[in-house]
Amino acid sequence: MRVHLIKKQTIEDYVADNVGCRIPFQDWLNKLKFADWKTAADIKKTFGAADLLGKGSSRVVFNVGGNNYA
C-alpha cells in the first residue's frame, strides 16, 4: 500500500515559504517514501494521528508536525 501525493509541489512551495516546518514535512515525506504498508491499520501504526476517511476509502488525512500547519 503506497501513498500517492496529489500535488507534491504544493507541499514544497509551502515549506519554502514557511521554513520552520521544513523538518516535520521532511520527516513525513521520508516516511511516506520508504513505507510499505499492507493495510490501512499499518498506516495508523506509523502515524497514530492519521485519519482514515470513510469505509472502503483509500484516502488518509495526515497531521504533520502535531497538526500545526494548515
N, C-alpha and C. Protein backbone atom coordinates (compact mmCIF):
# COMPACT_ATOMS: atom_id res chain seq x y z
N MET A 1 0.86 -1.17 0.00
CA MET A 1 0.00 0.00 0.00
C MET A 1 0.91 1.23 0.00
N ARG A 2 0.85 1.98 -1.08
CA ARG A 2 1.70 3.16 -1.22
C ARG A 2 0.83 4.40 -1.17
N VAL A 3 1.41 5.49 -0.73
CA VAL A 3 0.70 6.78 -0.67
C VAL A 3 1.01 7.54 -1.95
N HIS A 4 -0.03 8.06 -2.55
CA HIS A 4 0.11 8.88 -3.75
C HIS A 4 -0.21 10.32 -3.36
N LEU A 5 0.80 11.17 -3.42
CA LEU A 5 0.58 12.59 -3.16
C LEU A 5 -0.06 13.22 -4.38
N ILE A 6 -1.13 13.94 -4.17
CA ILE A 6 -1.83 14.54 -5.29
C ILE A 6 -0.99 15.65 -5.93
N LYS A 7 -0.37 16.47 -5.10
CA LYS A 7 0.44 17.56 -5.65
C LYS A 7 1.59 17.88 -4.70
N LYS A 8 2.71 17.19 -4.88
CA LYS A 8 3.88 17.38 -4.03
C LYS A 8 4.41 18.80 -4.11
N GLN A 9 4.30 19.44 -5.27
CA GLN A 9 4.80 20.80 -5.44
C GLN A 9 4.15 21.77 -4.46
N THR A 10 2.88 21.56 -4.14
CA THR A 10 2.19 22.42 -3.18
C THR A 10 2.87 22.34 -1.81
N ILE A 11 3.26 21.14 -1.42
CA ILE A 11 3.97 20.94 -0.15
C ILE A 11 5.33 21.63 -0.20
N GLU A 12 6.05 21.42 -1.28
CA GLU A 12 7.38 22.03 -1.42
C GLU A 12 7.29 23.56 -1.40
N ASP A 13 6.29 24.13 -2.05
CA ASP A 13 6.11 25.58 -2.04
C ASP A 13 5.79 26.08 -0.64
N TYR A 14 4.94 25.35 0.07
CA TYR A 14 4.58 25.75 1.43
C TYR A 14 5.81 25.73 2.33
N VAL A 15 6.60 24.68 2.24
CA VAL A 15 7.81 24.57 3.06
C VAL A 15 8.80 25.68 2.72
N ALA A 16 8.92 26.03 1.46
CA ALA A 16 9.82 27.11 1.06
C ALA A 16 9.40 28.45 1.66
N ASP A 17 8.10 28.64 1.80
CA ASP A 17 7.58 29.89 2.36
C ASP A 17 7.50 29.88 3.89
N ASN A 18 7.59 28.69 4.49
CA ASN A 18 7.45 28.53 5.95
C ASN A 18 8.57 27.62 6.44
N VAL A 19 9.75 28.17 6.52
CA VAL A 19 10.96 27.39 6.80
C VAL A 19 10.86 26.60 8.10
N GLY A 20 10.11 27.08 9.08
CA GLY A 20 10.00 26.39 10.37
C GLY A 20 9.37 25.02 10.29
N CYS A 21 8.67 24.74 9.20
CA CYS A 21 8.01 23.44 9.08
C CYS A 21 8.82 22.46 8.24
N ARG A 22 10.01 22.85 7.83
CA ARG A 22 10.82 22.00 6.96
C ARG A 22 11.09 20.63 7.55
N ILE A 23 11.50 20.57 8.79
CA ILE A 23 11.86 19.28 9.40
C ILE A 23 10.66 18.36 9.54
N PRO A 24 9.51 18.82 10.08
CA PRO A 24 8.36 17.91 10.17
C PRO A 24 7.90 17.39 8.79
N PHE A 25 7.88 18.26 7.79
CA PHE A 25 7.45 17.81 6.46
C PHE A 25 8.48 16.89 5.83
N GLN A 26 9.74 17.16 6.04
CA GLN A 26 10.79 16.29 5.50
C GLN A 26 10.70 14.90 6.13
N ASP A 27 10.49 14.85 7.43
CA ASP A 27 10.33 13.58 8.13
C ASP A 27 9.12 12.82 7.59
N TRP A 28 8.01 13.52 7.42
CA TRP A 28 6.78 12.91 6.92
C TRP A 28 6.99 12.36 5.51
N LEU A 29 7.59 13.16 4.64
CA LEU A 29 7.82 12.71 3.27
C LEU A 29 8.77 11.51 3.21
N ASN A 30 9.80 11.49 4.06
CA ASN A 30 10.72 10.35 4.09
C ASN A 30 10.01 9.08 4.53
N LYS A 31 9.13 9.20 5.53
CA LYS A 31 8.38 8.02 5.98
C LYS A 31 7.46 7.52 4.87
N LEU A 32 6.84 8.43 4.14
CA LEU A 32 5.97 8.02 3.04
C LEU A 32 6.77 7.32 1.95
N LYS A 33 7.93 7.86 1.64
CA LYS A 33 8.75 7.34 0.56
C LYS A 33 9.16 5.89 0.79
N PHE A 34 9.48 5.54 2.03
CA PHE A 34 10.00 4.21 2.32
C PHE A 34 8.98 3.26 2.93
N ALA A 35 7.75 3.73 3.11
CA ALA A 35 6.72 2.88 3.72
C ALA A 35 6.26 1.82 2.74
N ASP A 36 5.95 0.66 3.30
CA ASP A 36 5.37 -0.42 2.51
C ASP A 36 4.27 -1.05 3.36
N TRP A 37 3.19 -0.32 3.53
CA TRP A 37 2.10 -0.79 4.36
C TRP A 37 1.28 -1.84 3.65
N LYS A 38 0.76 -2.78 4.41
CA LYS A 38 -0.11 -3.83 3.85
C LYS A 38 -1.57 -3.46 4.02
N THR A 39 -1.89 -2.76 5.11
CA THR A 39 -3.27 -2.39 5.39
C THR A 39 -3.31 -0.94 5.88
N ALA A 40 -4.51 -0.40 5.91
CA ALA A 40 -4.68 0.95 6.43
C ALA A 40 -4.29 1.02 7.91
N ALA A 41 -4.51 -0.07 8.62
CA ALA A 41 -4.13 -0.12 10.04
C ALA A 41 -2.62 0.06 10.21
N ASP A 42 -1.84 -0.39 9.23
CA ASP A 42 -0.39 -0.21 9.28
C ASP A 42 -0.02 1.27 9.21
N ILE A 43 -0.80 2.05 8.46
CA ILE A 43 -0.56 3.49 8.40
C ILE A 43 -0.74 4.09 9.79
N LYS A 44 -1.77 3.65 10.50
CA LYS A 44 -2.04 4.15 11.86
C LYS A 44 -0.91 3.78 12.82
N LYS A 45 -0.24 2.68 12.58
CA LYS A 45 0.89 2.29 13.43
C LYS A 45 2.06 3.26 13.24
N THR A 46 2.25 3.71 12.01
CA THR A 46 3.33 4.65 11.71
C THR A 46 2.95 6.07 12.10
N PHE A 47 1.73 6.45 11.77
CA PHE A 47 1.22 7.80 12.03
C PHE A 47 -0.05 7.67 12.86
N GLY A 48 0.10 7.64 14.17
CA GLY A 48 -1.04 7.43 15.06
C GLY A 48 -2.15 8.45 14.91
N ALA A 49 -1.82 9.65 14.48
CA ALA A 49 -2.84 10.69 14.35
C ALA A 49 -3.44 10.75 12.94
N ALA A 50 -3.07 9.83 12.07
CA ALA A 50 -3.64 9.82 10.72
C ALA A 50 -5.12 9.45 10.80
N ASP A 51 -5.91 10.08 9.95
CA ASP A 51 -7.34 9.80 9.89
C ASP A 51 -7.65 9.08 8.58
N LEU A 52 -8.22 7.88 8.71
CA LEU A 52 -8.61 7.10 7.55
C LEU A 52 -10.04 7.52 7.20
N LEU A 53 -10.26 7.96 5.98
CA LEU A 53 -11.55 8.52 5.59
C LEU A 53 -12.51 7.46 5.08
N GLY A 54 -13.63 7.34 5.73
CA GLY A 54 -14.74 6.51 5.27
C GLY A 54 -14.45 5.04 5.11
N LYS A 55 -15.50 4.28 5.09
CA LYS A 55 -15.38 2.83 4.88
C LYS A 55 -15.02 2.55 3.43
N GLY A 56 -13.97 1.80 3.25
CA GLY A 56 -13.55 1.43 1.91
C GLY A 56 -12.80 2.52 1.16
N SER A 57 -12.63 3.67 1.77
CA SER A 57 -11.90 4.75 1.11
C SER A 57 -10.41 4.50 1.22
N SER A 58 -9.68 4.93 0.22
CA SER A 58 -8.23 4.77 0.26
C SER A 58 -7.57 6.11 0.58
N ARG A 59 -8.33 7.04 1.11
CA ARG A 59 -7.79 8.37 1.43
C ARG A 59 -7.47 8.49 2.91
N VAL A 60 -6.37 9.22 3.15
CA VAL A 60 -5.89 9.40 4.52
C VAL A 60 -5.56 10.88 4.72
N VAL A 61 -5.90 11.38 5.90
CA VAL A 61 -5.50 12.74 6.29
C VAL A 61 -4.39 12.59 7.31
N PHE A 62 -3.24 13.20 7.02
CA PHE A 62 -2.10 13.14 7.92
C PHE A 62 -2.01 14.46 8.71
N ASN A 63 -1.70 14.35 9.98
CA ASN A 63 -1.48 15.52 10.81
C ASN A 63 0.03 15.70 10.96
N VAL A 64 0.59 16.57 10.16
CA VAL A 64 2.05 16.76 10.10
C VAL A 64 2.48 17.74 11.18
N GLY A 65 3.53 17.38 11.90
CA GLY A 65 4.09 18.29 12.90
C GLY A 65 3.11 18.63 14.00
N GLY A 66 2.35 17.65 14.46
CA GLY A 66 1.37 17.89 15.52
C GLY A 66 0.18 18.70 15.04
N ASN A 67 -0.06 18.66 13.73
CA ASN A 67 -1.17 19.37 13.09
C ASN A 67 -1.05 20.89 13.28
N ASN A 68 0.18 21.37 13.29
CA ASN A 68 0.45 22.80 13.47
C ASN A 68 0.50 23.57 12.16
N TYR A 69 0.32 22.90 11.04
CA TYR A 69 0.44 23.55 9.75
C TYR A 69 -0.84 23.38 8.95
N ALA A 70 -1.39 24.50 8.49
CA ALA A 70 -2.64 24.44 7.73
C ALA A 70 -2.49 25.19 6.42
